[in-house]
Amino acid sequence: MEVLSPSEIEGLSHFLITCGRFDLLKKLYVKCVQRGKIGLFPTGFLIEALVKQNKPLTDQAFEVCEEIIEKQPFEATALQQAFVKTFSVQVAKEHKEIQKNYTEDRLRQKTRLIEQLNHYRTAQLQEQEENIIQQLTKLYPQDLEIGLLKQAHLEKKADEILARVISKRVIVKSKTSLDKSANNEDFLKDMHANILKIADDLKQNQPDQLYNLAILAFQFELYEACLNVLEKAPETSARNWLRAEALLEAGKYLELLHILEYLESQESHSTDTAFGATYLKAIAYHGLGKKDLAIHLMESILQVVPFYRSAEALLVEWKS
């Protein structure tokens, strides 16, 4: 799971609160905080969830909220809450001043971290590079430059991730970090059951929200649940591409090839679709043991787009 952007965590928070699933909201927040996978904590949604459950907001809760607001002066959801302003007028008044004081310090810190990132990249220190990227994403979640750096980093390590995925599925499927303990297994089983239950309710009442639920399942690496939810969701291009990603992660290569053929027929006008479908087809065929065909397809992409995603790195891996 990558660090969730403000829009992603706000969207998931709004979705779960609207569904009344405060239990899943709590689990999502706990998991993200424990793993450091959240850029800005949505204090406003936390307060909204507590209020809607008629839970008392204690003095300790107020202090925690004030502390979070002071540490996250650019996080908007808290100060959008009228209730926050009633108990924290001073924080609201000082918000602009806090932002002003933070700007110069944050700029210097950003410059320093980017310099460290470039150093680690040059020295090929992958673990340190990953840590800096995570720091930058958490500190500057809405910064366009950081977003581009993160995207470049994800493209760079795509070949490594795909190689591990293929290795696990074709050779031996090793245990993931999610099933190292009984607690995690129980959590995932509970989450899987809850997602399927919510999906049945949404299918009847709010089918347009099923896609958001599928994204939530994908974030928790519950690919079977994700696919199950998508089967119930209204058909859209985004829904079909998410289904393709989930099929890839689940190692269902034949089904993946089938939906890619469908996407190509429906979006024949799009060059992005042609390249994306061919790229995923190559990975699927390689996963099915058709190495020569996979190499041929990947080479066909590189003839047109020499630096397309991790195609070149995958070719080197497959030919070795």
Foldseek 3Di string as FASTA:
>chain_A
DAADFLVLLVVLLVLCVVLVNVVVNVVVVVVCVVVVRYQADQVLSVVVNCVVVVHDCDPVNLVVSLVSCLVCLPRPNQVVDPVNCVVCVVSVVCSVVSVVVVVVVLVVVLVVLVVVLVVCVVVVVVVVNVVSLSVCCNHCVPDPVSVVVVVVVCLVCVLVVLVVLLCCLQPNPDDDPQPPDPVSVVVLVVLLVVLVVVLVVCLVPPLQCLQVSLVVCVVVVVLVSSLVSLVSHDDDPVSLVSNLVSCVSVLVLVVNLVSLVVQCVVPVVDPVSVLVSLLSNLSSCVSVVNLVVSLVSLVVSCVPVVCPRCSVVNNVVSVD
